């Protein structure tokens, strides 16, 4: 079940390249509302049985984000690779990735060492994807 979503958009700032990051987290969404979502979803409330203060959650996330950002700037994706590879859901399963209105289907193969997703196509080719929405 999905509890959060990370949104990432790249922007061209004339001579510089930028990235805008956003994160949506289902914090205190009750079970009745979760059932109205078109895919399996959960919330911190549903998982723990108690409401959470958003301000406390934001503060904690900010601390971890800044620590991880500093590490990423120093060492790249490498320190995160094994953790993300181990947490990769749907590995070995058929998925469809939607990108810019197009769909690409295959078997979720693995995570690339740079953080991109490897999709095994029916042709046997491995396609490496940088973005998209995954549907089972």
Foldseek 3Di string as FASTA:
>chain_A
DAFKDKDKDWDPPPPDIDIDIDMDGQAQDDPVRCVVDPDRYDYVCRVVVDHDDVVVVVVVVVVVVVVVVVVCVVPNCQVVFVVCQVVDPQAQHWKWWDDPNDIAIAGFHTADSNGWTWGQHPVRDTDTHDDTDIDD
